[in-house]
Amino acid sequence: MILVKKLDRLGRDTADMIALIKEFDSIGVAILSAVAQAERQRILERTNEGRIEAKGVKFGRKRTIDAEKLRTLRKNGLGATDIAKQMGIGRSTVYKLLNEAGE
């Protein structure tokens, strides 16, 4: 009997794991569904390592909303619903940006 608590400990790399799984499959052991889980875990680990190494780098999409225009509309007395309609964004986004600006 083999007990493996983490699949990434089963083999050195994905190719090694696949070879072991083929061998297990030939003797009637079915663990193929776990390969996807192990590969996903490895991808997450590599991604997190990359994020740690990329100090000072902002992740995610760049903002395309003109925050200054939003503040101007707010100062002119428009409510969040009207600002959202005029700028083509959601009301929650208006509230979020106003909150970030301290308004």
PDB file of N, CA and C in Angstrom:
ATOM      1  N   MET A   1       0.844  -1.178   0.000  1.00  0.00           N
ATOM      2  CA  MET A   1       0.000   0.000   0.000  1.00  0.00           C
ATOM      3  C   MET A   1       0.889   1.241   0.000  1.00  0.00           C
ATOM      4  N   ILE A   2       0.490   2.246  -0.820  1.00  0.00           N
ATOM      5  CA  ILE A   2       1.216   3.509  -0.891  1.00  0.00           C
ATOM      6  C   ILE A   2       0.281   4.604  -0.402  1.00  0.00           C
ATOM      7  N   LEU A   3       0.759   5.433   0.519  1.00  0.00           N
ATOM      8  CA  LEU A   3      -0.019   6.560   1.018  1.00  0.00           C
ATOM      9  C   LEU A   3       0.705   7.838   0.642  1.00  0.00           C
ATOM     10  N   VAL A   4       0.055   8.650  -0.178  1.00  0.00           N
ATOM     11  CA  VAL A   4       0.632   9.920  -0.614  1.00  0.00           C
ATOM     12  C   VAL A   4      -0.301  11.021  -0.142  1.00  0.00           C
ATOM     13  N   LYS A   5       0.203  11.882   0.743  1.00  0.00           N
ATOM     14  CA  LYS A   5      -0.637  12.958   1.274  1.00  0.00           C
ATOM     15  C   LYS A   5      -0.690  14.149   0.324  1.00  0.00           C
ATOM     16  N   LYS A   6       0.416  14.422  -0.354  1.00  0.00           N
ATOM     17  CA  LYS A   6       0.449  15.495  -1.351  1.00  0.00           C
ATOM     18  C   LYS A   6       0.975  14.913  -2.650  1.00  0.00           C
ATOM     19  N   LEU A   7       0.224  15.117  -3.723  1.00  0.00           N
ATOM     20  CA  LEU A   7       0.621  14.505  -4.995  1.00  0.00           C
ATOM     21  C   LEU A   7       1.928  15.062  -5.539  1.00  0.00           C
ATOM     22  N   ASP A   8       2.280  16.291  -5.184  1.00  0.00           N
ATOM     23  CA  ASP A   8       3.532  16.824  -5.703  1.00  0.00           C
ATOM     24  C   ASP A   8       4.742  16.095  -5.111  1.00  0.00           C
ATOM     25  N   ARG A   9       4.518  15.301  -4.072  1.00  0.00           N
ATOM     26  CA  ARG A   9       5.584  14.492  -3.480  1.00  0.00           C
ATOM     27  C   ARG A   9       5.690  13.122  -4.157  1.00  0.00           C
ATOM     28  N   LEU A  10       4.738  12.802  -5.005  1.00  0.00           N
ATOM     29  CA  LEU A  10       4.731  11.508  -5.692  1.00  0.00           C
ATOM     30  C   LEU A  10       5.825  11.439  -6.751  1.00  0.00           C
ATOM     31  N   GLY A  11       6.076  12.536  -7.440  1.00  0.00           N
ATOM     32  CA  GLY A  11       7.085  12.541  -8.493  1.00  0.00           C
ATOM     33  C   GLY A  11       7.846  13.849  -8.507  1.00  0.00           C
ATOM     34  N   ARG A  12       8.963  13.865  -9.221  1.00  0.00           N
ATOM     35  CA  ARG A  12       9.805  15.064  -9.296  1.00  0.00           C
ATOM     36  C   ARG A  12       9.173  16.146 -10.153  1.00  0.00           C
ATOM     37  N   ASP A  13       8.493  15.719 -11.211  1.00  0.00           N
ATOM     38  CA  ASP A  13       7.834  16.668 -12.100  1.00  0.00           C
ATOM     39  C   ASP A  13       6.601  15.990 -12.690  1.00  0.00           C
ATOM     40  N   THR A  14       5.883  16.723 -13.537  1.00  0.00           N
ATOM     41  CA  THR A  14       4.638  16.196 -14.095  1.00  0.00           C
ATOM     42  C   THR A  14       4.887  14.941 -14.924  1.00  0.00           C
ATOM     43  N   ALA A  15       5.959  14.936 -15.699  1.00  0.00           N
ATOM     44  CA  ALA A  15       6.254  13.771 -16.540  1.00  0.00           C
ATOM     45  C   ALA A  15       6.511  12.540 -15.673  1.00  0.00           C
ATOM     46  N   ASP A  16       7.227  12.722 -14.574  1.00  0.00           N
ATOM     47  CA  ASP A  16       7.501  11.619 -13.658  1.00  0.00           C
ATOM     48  C   ASP A  16       6.204  11.110 -13.034  1.00  0.00           C
ATOM     49  N   MET A  17       5.324  12.039 -12.651  1.00  0.00           N
ATOM     50  CA  MET A  17       4.031  11.649 -12.082  1.00  0.00           C
ATOM     51  C   MET A  17       3.192  10.876 -13.084  1.00  0.00           C
ATOM     52  N   ILE A  18       3.199  11.323 -14.324  1.00  0.00           N
ATOM     53  CA  ILE A  18       2.415  10.634 -15.356  1.00  0.00           C
ATOM     54  C   ILE A  18       2.932   9.213 -15.564  1.00  0.00           C
ATOM     55  N   ALA A  19       4.247   9.063 -15.536  1.00  0.00           N
ATOM     56  CA  ALA A  19       4.820   7.724 -15.684  1.00  0.00           C
ATOM     57  C   ALA A  19       4.378   6.816 -14.537  1.00  0.00           C
ATOM     58  N   LEU A  20       4.405   7.351 -13.331  1.00  0.00           N
ATOM     59  CA  LEU A  20       3.957   6.569 -12.172  1.00  0.00           C
ATOM     60  C   LEU A  20       2.468   6.240 -12.259  1.00  0.00           C
ATOM     61  N   ILE A  21       1.683   7.194 -12.709  1.00  0.00           N
ATOM     62  CA  ILE A  21       0.245   6.965 -12.836  1.00  0.00           C
ATOM     63  C   ILE A  21      -0.045   5.892 -13.866  1.00  0.00           C
ATOM     64  N   LYS A  22       0.700   5.903 -14.976  1.00  0.00           N
ATOM     65  CA  LYS A  22       0.531   4.850 -15.985  1.00  0.00           C
ATOM     66  C   LYS A  22       0.861   3.478 -15.393  1.00  0.00           C
ATOM     67  N   GLU A  23       1.914   3.458 -14.592  1.00  0.00           N
ATOM     68  CA  GLU A  23       2.294   2.196 -13.951  1.00  0.00           C
ATOM     69  C   GLU A  23       1.210   1.739 -12.980  1.00  0.00           C
ATOM     70  N   PHE A  24       0.687   2.673 -12.185  1.00  0.00           N
ATOM     71  CA  PHE A  24      -0.390   2.338 -11.255  1.00  0.00           C
ATOM     72  C   PHE A  24      -1.643   1.890 -12.000  1.00  0.00           C
ATOM     73  N   ASP A  25      -1.930   2.576 -13.110  1.00  0.00           N
ATOM     74  CA  ASP A  25      -3.113   2.241 -13.912  1.00  0.00           C
ATOM     75  C   ASP A  25      -3.019   0.816 -14.453  1.00  0.00           C
ATOM     76  N   SER A  26      -1.810   0.403 -14.813  1.00  0.00           N
ATOM     77  CA  SER A  26      -1.633  -0.948 -15.362  1.00  0.00           C
ATOM     78  C   SER A  26      -1.918  -2.038 -14.329  1.00  0.00           C
ATOM     79  N   ILE A  27      -1.830  -1.668 -13.046  1.00  0.00           N
ATOM     80  CA  ILE A  27      -2.132  -2.665 -12.009  1.00  0.00           C
ATOM     81  C   ILE A  27      -3.490  -2.407 -11.356  1.00  0.00           C
ATOM     82  N   GLY A  28      -4.270  -1.486 -11.959  1.00  0.00           N
ATOM     83  CA  GLY A  28      -5.643  -1.286 -11.510  1.00  0.00           C
ATOM     84  C   GLY A  28      -5.875  -0.165 -10.511  1.00  0.00           C
ATOM     85  N   VAL A  29      -4.892   0.681 -10.295  1.00  0.00           N
ATOM     86  CA  VAL A  29      -5.051   1.807  -9.364  1.00  0.00           C
ATOM     87  C   VAL A  29      -5.433   3.038 -10.177  1.00  0.00           C
ATOM     88  N   ALA A  30      -6.514   3.688  -9.792  1.00  0.00           N
ATOM     89  CA  ALA A  30      -6.994   4.845 -10.552  1.00  0.00           C
ATOM     90  C   ALA A  30      -6.836   6.125  -9.724  1.00  0.00           C
ATOM     91  N   ILE A  31      -5.869   6.975 -10.092  1.00  0.00           N
ATOM     92  CA  ILE A  31      -5.670   8.267  -9.400  1.00  0.00           C
ATOM     93  C   ILE A  31      -5.544   9.404 -10.401  1.00  0.00           C
ATOM     94  N   LEU A  32      -5.986   9.182 -11.613  1.00  0.00           N
ATOM     95  CA  LEU A  32      -5.774  10.176 -12.664  1.00  0.00           C
ATOM     96  C   LEU A  32      -6.428  11.518 -12.360  1.00  0.00           C
ATOM     97  N   SER A  33      -7.576  11.524 -11.705  1.00  0.00           N
ATOM     98  CA  SER A  33      -8.255  12.793 -11.428  1.00  0.00           C
ATOM     99  C   SER A  33      -7.430  13.689 -10.520  1.00  0.00           C
ATOM    100  N   ALA A  34      -6.549  13.113  -9.773  1.00  0.00           N
ATOM    101  CA  ALA A  34      -5.731  13.893  -8.848  1.00  0.00           C
ATOM    102  C   ALA A  34      -4.595  14.621  -9.551  1.00  0.00           C
ATOM    103  N   VAL A  35      -4.256  14.227 -10.777  1.00  0.00           N
ATOM    104  CA  VAL A  35      -3.173  14.885 -11.504  1.00  0.00           C
ATOM    105  C   VAL A  35      -3.514  16.340 -11.776  1.00  0.00           C
ATOM    106  N   ALA A  36      -4.732  16.599 -12.163  1.00  0.00           N
ATOM    107  CA  ALA A  36      -5.147  17.973 -12.426  1.00  0.00           C
ATOM    108  C   ALA A  36      -5.028  18.825 -11.171  1.00  0.00           C
ATOM    109  N   GLN A  37      -5.396  18.252 -10.050  1.00  0.00           N
ATOM    110  CA  GLN A  37      -5.284  18.962  -8.777  1.00  0.00           C
ATOM    111  C   GLN A  37      -3.818  19.276  -8.470  1.00  0.00           C
ATOM    112  N   ALA A  38      -2.951  18.326  -8.677  1.00  0.00           N
ATOM    113  CA  ALA A  38      -1.531  18.533  -8.396  1.00  0.00           C
ATOM    114  C   ALA A  38      -0.939  19.586  -9.316  1.00  0.00           C
ATOM    115  N   GLU A  39      -1.283  19.528 -10.591  1.00  0.00           N
ATOM    116  CA  GLU A  39      -0.765  20.501 -11.548  1.00  0.00           C
ATOM    117  C   GLU A  39      -1.263  21.898 -11.212  1.00  0.00           C
ATOM    118  N   ARG A  40      -2.523  22.010 -10.824  1.00  0.00           N
ATOM    119  CA  ARG A  40      -3.080  23.312 -10.436  1.00  0.00           C
ATOM    120  C   ARG A  40      -2.336  23.875  -9.222  1.00  0.00           C
ATOM    121  N   GLN A  41      -2.043  23.002  -8.269  1.00  0.00           N
ATOM    122  CA  GLN A  41      -1.309  23.427  -7.077  1.00  0.00           C
ATOM    123  C   GLN A  41       0.085  23.924  -7.446  1.00  0.00           C
ATOM    124  N   ARG A  42       0.739  23.231  -8.353  1.00  0.00           N
ATOM    125  CA  ARG A  42       2.072  23.667  -8.801  1.00  0.00           C
ATOM    126  C   ARG A  42       2.010  25.012  -9.504  1.00  0.00           C
ATOM    127  N   ILE A  43       1.003  25.217 -10.315  1.00  0.00           N
ATOM    128  CA  ILE A  43       0.842  26.501 -11.006  1.00  0.00           C
ATOM    129  C   ILE A  43       0.650  27.620  -9.989  1.00  0.00           C
ATOM    130  N   LEU A  44      -0.189  27.380  -8.988  1.00  0.00           N
ATOM    131  CA  LEU A  44      -0.410  28.391  -7.951  1.00  0.00           C
ATOM    132  C   LEU A  44       0.875  28.708  -7.187  1.00  0.00           C
ATOM    133  N   GLU A  45       1.645  27.685  -6.876  1.00  0.00           N
ATOM    134  CA  GLU A  45       2.904  27.902  -6.172  1.00  0.00           C
ATOM    135  C   GLU A  45       3.864  28.735  -7.004  1.00  0.00           C
ATOM    136  N   ARG A  46       3.980  28.408  -8.294  1.00  0.00           N
ATOM    137  CA  ARG A  46       4.883  29.181  -9.166  1.00  0.00           C
ATOM    138  C   ARG A  46       4.401  30.614  -9.326  1.00  0.00           C
ATOM    139  N   THR A  47       3.091  30.798  -9.430  1.00  0.00           N
ATOM    140  CA  THR A  47       2.526  32.139  -9.557  1.00  0.00           C
ATOM    141  C   THR A  47       2.825  32.965  -8.315  1.00  0.00           C
ATOM    142  N   ASN A  48       2.622  32.371  -7.156  1.00  0.00           N
ATOM    143  CA  ASN A  48       2.884  33.088  -5.911  1.00  0.00           C
ATOM    144  C   ASN A  48       4.364  33.417  -5.753  1.00  0.00           C
ATOM    145  N   GLU A  49       5.235  32.510  -6.157  1.00  0.00           N
ATOM    146  CA  GLU A  49       6.671  32.789  -6.119  1.00  0.00           C
ATOM    147  C   GLU A  49       7.017  33.970  -7.018  1.00  0.00           C
ATOM    148  N   GLY A  50       6.408  34.013  -8.188  1.00  0.00           N
ATOM    149  CA  GLY A  50       6.642  35.126  -9.112  1.00  0.00           C
ATOM    150  C   GLY A  50       6.159  36.446  -8.553  1.00  0.00           C
ATOM    151  N   ARG A  51       5.020  36.433  -7.887  1.00  0.00           N
ATOM    152  CA  ARG A  51       4.498  37.661  -7.285  1.00  0.00           C
ATOM    153  C   ARG A  51       5.401  38.164  -6.171  1.00  0.00           C
ATOM    154  N   ILE A  52       5.950  37.240  -5.413  1.00  0.00           N
ATOM    155  CA  ILE A  52       6.872  37.629  -4.340  1.00  0.00           C
ATOM    156  C   ILE A  52       8.128  38.269  -4.926  1.00  0.00           C
ATOM    157  N   GLU A  53       8.629  37.700  -6.019  1.00  0.00           N
ATOM    158  CA  GLU A  53       9.833  38.228  -6.663  1.00  0.00           C
ATOM    159  C   GLU A  53       9.590  39.588  -7.327  1.00  0.00           C
ATOM    160  N   ALA A  54       8.376  39.847  -7.761  1.00  0.00           N
ATOM    161  CA  ALA A  54       8.056  41.077  -8.493  1.00  0.00           C
ATOM    162  C   ALA A  54       7.655  42.186  -7.519  1.00  0.00           C
ATOM    163  N   LYS A  55       8.567  42.573  -6.680  1.00  0.00           N
ATOM    164  CA  LYS A  55       8.283  43.600  -5.678  1.00  0.00           C
ATOM    165  C   LYS A  55       8.032  44.938  -6.356  1.00  0.00           C
ATOM    166  N   GLY A  56       7.008  45.636  -5.919  1.00  0.00           N
ATOM    167  CA  GLY A  56       6.707  46.952  -6.448  1.00  0.00           C
ATOM    168  C   GLY A  56       5.902  46.959  -7.736  1.00  0.00           C
ATOM    169  N   VAL A  57       5.568  45.787  -8.255  1.00  0.00           N
ATOM    170  CA  VAL A  57       4.806  45.692  -9.501  1.00  0.00           C
ATOM    171  C   VAL A  57       3.330  45.612  -9.156  1.00  0.00           C
ATOM    172  N   LYS A  58       2.532  46.433  -9.822  1.00  0.00           N
ATOM    173  CA  LYS A  58       1.085  46.383  -9.610  1.00  0.00           C
ATOM    174  C   LYS A  58       0.491  45.356 -10.556  1.00  0.00           C
ATOM    175  N   PHE A  59      -0.362  44.494 -10.003  1.00  0.00           N
ATOM    176  CA  PHE A  59      -1.021  43.481 -10.804  1.00  0.00           C
ATOM    177  C   PHE A  59      -2.444  43.932 -11.114  1.00  0.00           C
ATOM    178  N   GLY A  60      -3.006  43.363 -12.147  1.00  0.00           N
ATOM    179  CA  GLY A  60      -4.386  43.665 -12.499  1.00  0.00           C
ATOM    180  C   GLY A  60      -4.477  44.666 -13.648  1.00  0.00           C
ATOM    181  N   ARG A  61      -5.701  44.897 -14.052  1.00  0.00           N
ATOM    182  CA  ARG A  61      -5.973  45.787 -15.160  1.00  0.00           C
ATOM    183  C   ARG A  61      -5.769  47.239 -14.748  1.00  0.00           C
ATOM    184  N   LYS A  62      -5.285  48.058 -15.670  1.00  0.00           N
ATOM    185  CA  LYS A  62      -5.109  49.474 -15.397  1.00  0.00           C
ATOM    186  C   LYS A  62      -6.456  50.168 -15.451  1.00  0.00           C
ATOM    187  N   ARG A  63      -6.624  51.147 -14.590  1.00  0.00           N
ATOM    188  CA  ARG A  63      -7.886  51.879 -14.544  1.00  0.00           C
ATOM    189  C   ARG A  63      -8.047  52.746 -15.789  1.00  0.00           C
ATOM    190  N   THR A  64      -9.265  52.744 -16.288  1.00  0.00           N
ATOM    191  CA  THR A  64      -9.573  53.557 -17.461  1.00  0.00           C
ATOM    192  C   THR A  64     -10.559  54.663 -17.129  1.00  0.00           C
ATOM    193  N   ILE A  65     -10.973  54.725 -15.887  1.00  0.00           N
ATOM    194  CA  ILE A  65     -11.961  55.724 -15.470  1.00  0.00           C
ATOM    195  C   ILE A  65     -11.232  57.001 -15.089  1.00  0.00           C
ATOM    196  N   ASP A  66     -11.744  58.119 -15.584  1.00  0.00           N
ATOM    197  CA  ASP A  66     -11.173  59.425 -15.267  1.00  0.00           C
ATOM    198  C   ASP A  66     -11.669  59.850 -13.885  1.00  0.00           C
ATOM    199  N   ALA A  67     -10.831  59.635 -12.881  1.00  0.00           N
ATOM    200  CA  ALA A  67     -11.214  59.926 -11.498  1.00  0.00           C
ATOM    201  C   ALA A  67     -11.445  61.413 -11.285  1.00  0.00           C
ATOM    202  N   GLU A  68     -10.694  62.233 -11.988  1.00  0.00           N
ATOM    203  CA  GLU A  68     -10.860  63.690 -11.842  1.00  0.00           C
ATOM    204  C   GLU A  68     -12.238  64.129 -12.350  1.00  0.00           C
ATOM    205  N   LYS A  69     -12.671  63.558 -13.481  1.00  0.00           N
ATOM    206  CA  LYS A  69     -13.996  63.872 -14.018  1.00  0.00           C
ATOM    207  C   LYS A  69     -15.074  63.430 -13.028  1.00  0.00           C
ATOM    208  N   LEU A  70     -14.881  62.263 -12.424  1.00  0.00           N
ATOM    209  CA  LEU A  70     -15.842  61.758 -11.456  1.00  0.00           C
ATOM    210  C   LEU A  70     -15.959  62.720 -10.262  1.00  0.00           C
ATOM    211  N   ARG A  71     -14.820  63.173  -9.746  1.00  0.00           N
ATOM    212  CA  ARG A  71     -14.852  64.107  -8.613  1.00  0.00           C
ATOM    213  C   ARG A  71     -15.496  65.430  -9.003  1.00  0.00           C
ATOM    214  N   THR A  72     -15.234  65.891 -10.225  1.00  0.00           N
ATOM    215  CA  THR A  72     -15.836  67.141 -10.695  1.00  0.00           C
ATOM    216  C   THR A  72     -17.352  67.015 -10.772  1.00  0.00           C
ATOM    217  N   LEU A  73     -17.828  65.898 -11.310  1.00  0.00           N
ATOM    218  CA  LEU A  73     -19.275  65.685 -11.394  1.00  0.00           C
ATOM    219  C   LEU A  73     -19.894  65.654  -9.994  1.00  0.00           C
ATOM    220  N   ARG A  74     -19.186  65.044  -9.066  1.00  0.00           N
ATOM    221  CA  ARG A  74     -19.694  64.975  -7.689  1.00  0.00           C
ATOM    222  C   ARG A  74     -19.744  66.366  -7.064  1.00  0.00           C
ATOM    223  N   LYS A  75     -18.704  67.174  -7.304  1.00  0.00           N
ATOM    224  CA  LYS A  75     -18.663  68.537  -6.761  1.00  0.00           C
ATOM    225  C   LYS A  75     -19.749  69.411  -7.367  1.00  0.00           C
ATOM    226  N   ASN A  76     -20.154  69.071  -8.596  1.00  0.00           N
ATOM    227  CA  ASN A  76     -21.227  69.825  -9.262  1.00  0.00           C
ATOM    228  C   ASN A  76     -22.607  69.398  -8.781  1.00  0.00           C
ATOM    229  N   GLY A  77     -22.649  68.483  -7.810  1.00  0.00           N
ATOM    230  CA  GLY A  77     -23.915  68.114  -7.194  1.00  0.00           C
ATOM    231  C   GLY A  77     -24.602  66.888  -7.762  1.00  0.00           C
ATOM    232  N   LEU A  78     -23.986  66.196  -8.684  1.00  0.00           N
ATOM    233  CA  LEU A  78     -24.606  64.996  -9.238  1.00  0.00           C
ATOM    234  C   LEU A  78     -24.512  63.845  -8.246  1.00  0.00           C
ATOM    235  N   GLY A  79     -25.548  63.027  -8.226  1.00  0.00           N
ATOM    236  CA  GLY A  79     -25.562  61.845  -7.371  1.00  0.00           C
ATOM    237  C   GLY A  79     -24.845  60.689  -8.037  1.00  0.00           C
ATOM    238  N   ALA A  80     -24.669  59.641  -7.280  1.00  0.00           N
ATOM    239  CA  ALA A  80     -23.931  58.479  -7.775  1.00  0.00           C
ATOM    240  C   ALA A  80     -24.605  57.841  -8.983  1.00  0.00           C
ATOM    241  N   THR A  81     -25.931  57.775  -8.983  1.00  0.00           N
ATOM    242  CA  THR A  81     -26.655  57.165 -10.102  1.00  0.00           C
ATOM    243  C   THR A  81     -26.432  57.949 -11.384  1.00  0.00           C
ATOM    244  N   ASP A  82     -26.535  59.282 -11.292  1.00  0.00           N
ATOM    245  CA  ASP A  82     -26.334  60.123 -12.481  1.00  0.00           C
ATOM    246  C   ASP A  82     -24.888  60.081 -12.969  1.00  0.00           C
ATOM    247  N   ILE A  83     -23.948  60.059 -12.036  1.00  0.00           N
ATOM    248  CA  ILE A  83     -22.533  59.957 -12.425  1.00  0.00           C
ATOM    249  C   ILE A  83     -22.283  58.629 -13.134  1.00  0.00           C
ATOM    250  N   ALA A  84     -22.839  57.561 -12.587  1.00  0.00           N
ATOM    251  CA  ALA A  84     -22.660  56.237 -13.181  1.00  0.00           C
ATOM    252  C   ALA A  84     -23.215  56.188 -14.599  1.00  0.00           C
ATOM    253  N   LYS A  85     -24.405  56.759 -14.795  1.00  0.00           N
ATOM    254  CA  LYS A  85     -25.005  56.765 -16.139  1.00  0.00           C
ATOM    255  C   LYS A  85     -24.166  57.582 -17.105  1.00  0.00           C
ATOM    256  N   GLN A  86     -23.725  58.748 -16.668  1.00  0.00           N
ATOM    257  CA  GLN A  86     -22.971  59.639 -17.540  1.00  0.00           C
ATOM    258  C   GLN A  86     -21.604  59.051 -17.919  1.00  0.00           C
ATOM    259  N   MET A  87     -20.980  58.335 -16.979  1.00  0.00           N
ATOM    260  CA  MET A  87     -19.651  57.788 -17.240  1.00  0.00           C
ATOM    261  C   MET A  87     -19.680  56.352 -17.753  1.00  0.00           C
ATOM    262  N   GLY A  88     -20.865  55.732 -17.738  1.00  0.00           N
ATOM    263  CA  GLY A  88     -20.985  54.367 -18.241  1.00  0.00           C
ATOM    264  C   GLY A  88     -20.359  53.325 -17.325  1.00  0.00           C
ATOM    265  N   ILE A  89     -20.458  53.558 -16.025  1.00  0.00           N
ATOM    266  CA  ILE A  89     -19.917  52.626 -15.049  1.00  0.00           C
ATOM    267  C   ILE A  89     -21.000  52.291 -14.031  1.00  0.00           C
ATOM    268  N   GLY A  90     -20.739  51.348 -13.167  1.00  0.00           N
ATOM    269  CA  GLY A  90     -21.700  50.965 -12.146  1.00  0.00           C
ATOM    270  C   GLY A  90     -21.676  51.923 -10.967  1.00  0.00           C
ATOM    271  N   ARG A  91     -22.804  51.994 -10.284  1.00  0.00           N
ATOM    272  CA  ARG A  91     -22.888  52.857  -9.097  1.00  0.00           C
ATOM    273  C   ARG A  91     -21.893  52.428  -8.033  1.00  0.00           C
ATOM    274  N   SER A  92     -21.722  51.113  -7.882  1.00  0.00           N
ATOM    275  CA  SER A  92     -20.779  50.627  -6.869  1.00  0.00           C
ATOM    276  C   SER A  92     -19.364  51.108  -7.168  1.00  0.00           C
ATOM    277  N   THR A  93     -19.024  51.223  -8.452  1.00  0.00           N
ATOM    278  CA  THR A  93     -17.709  51.740  -8.833  1.00  0.00           C
ATOM    279  C   THR A  93     -17.588  53.206  -8.460  1.00  0.00           C
ATOM    280  N   VAL A  94     -18.660  53.953  -8.656  1.00  0.00           N
ATOM    281  CA  VAL A  94     -18.662  55.373  -8.273  1.00  0.00           C
ATOM    282  C   VAL A  94     -18.408  55.490  -6.783  1.00  0.00           C
ATOM    283  N   TYR A  95     -19.154  54.727  -5.993  1.00  0.00           N
ATOM    284  CA  TYR A  95     -18.979  54.776  -4.540  1.00  0.00           C
ATOM    285  C   TYR A  95     -17.566  54.371  -4.133  1.00  0.00           C
ATOM    286  N   LYS A  96     -17.033  53.347  -4.788  1.00  0.00           N
ATOM    287  CA  LYS A  96     -15.697  52.865  -4.461  1.00  0.00           C
ATOM    288  C   LYS A  96     -14.651  53.950  -4.733  1.00  0.00           C
ATOM    289  N   LEU A  97     -14.748  54.604  -5.892  1.00  0.00           N
ATOM    290  CA  LEU A  97     -13.779  55.631  -6.244  1.00  0.00           C
ATOM    291  C   LEU A  97     -13.916  56.870  -5.362  1.00  0.00           C
ATOM    292  N   LEU A  98     -15.146  57.224  -5.026  1.00  0.00           N
ATOM    293  CA  LEU A  98     -15.348  58.362  -4.128  1.00  0.00           C
ATOM    294  C   LEU A  98     -14.794  58.036  -2.746  1.00  0.00           C
ATOM    295  N   ASN A  99     -14.981  56.827  -2.297  1.00  0.00           N
ATOM    296  CA  ASN A  99     -14.457  56.401  -1.004  1.00  0.00           C
ATOM    297  C   ASN A  99     -12.934  56.443  -0.986  1.00  0.00           C
ATOM    298  N   GLU A 100     -12.313  55.990  -2.073  1.00  0.00           N
ATOM    299  CA  GLU A 100     -10.848  56.022  -2.180  1.00  0.00           C
ATOM    300  C   GLU A 100     -10.328  57.441  -2.181  1.00  0.00           C
ATOM    301  N   ALA A 101     -11.118  58.361  -2.743  1.00  0.00           N
ATOM    302  CA  ALA A 101     -10.703  59.768  -2.795  1.00  0.00           C
ATOM    303  C   ALA A 101     -10.992  60.499  -1.485  1.00  0.00           C
ATOM    304  N   GLY A 102     -11.648  59.806  -0.552  1.00  0.00           N
ATOM    305  CA  GLY A 102     -11.947  60.414   0.730  1.00  0.00           C
ATOM    306  C   GLY A 102     -13.171  61.291   0.730  1.00  0.00           C
ATOM    307  N   GLU A 103     -14.059  61.069  -0.215  1.00  0.00           N
ATOM    308  CA  GLU A 103     -15.273  61.880  -0.296  1.00  0.00           C
ATOM    309  C   GLU A 103     -16.478  61.092   0.157  1.00  0.00           C
TER     310      GLU A 103
END
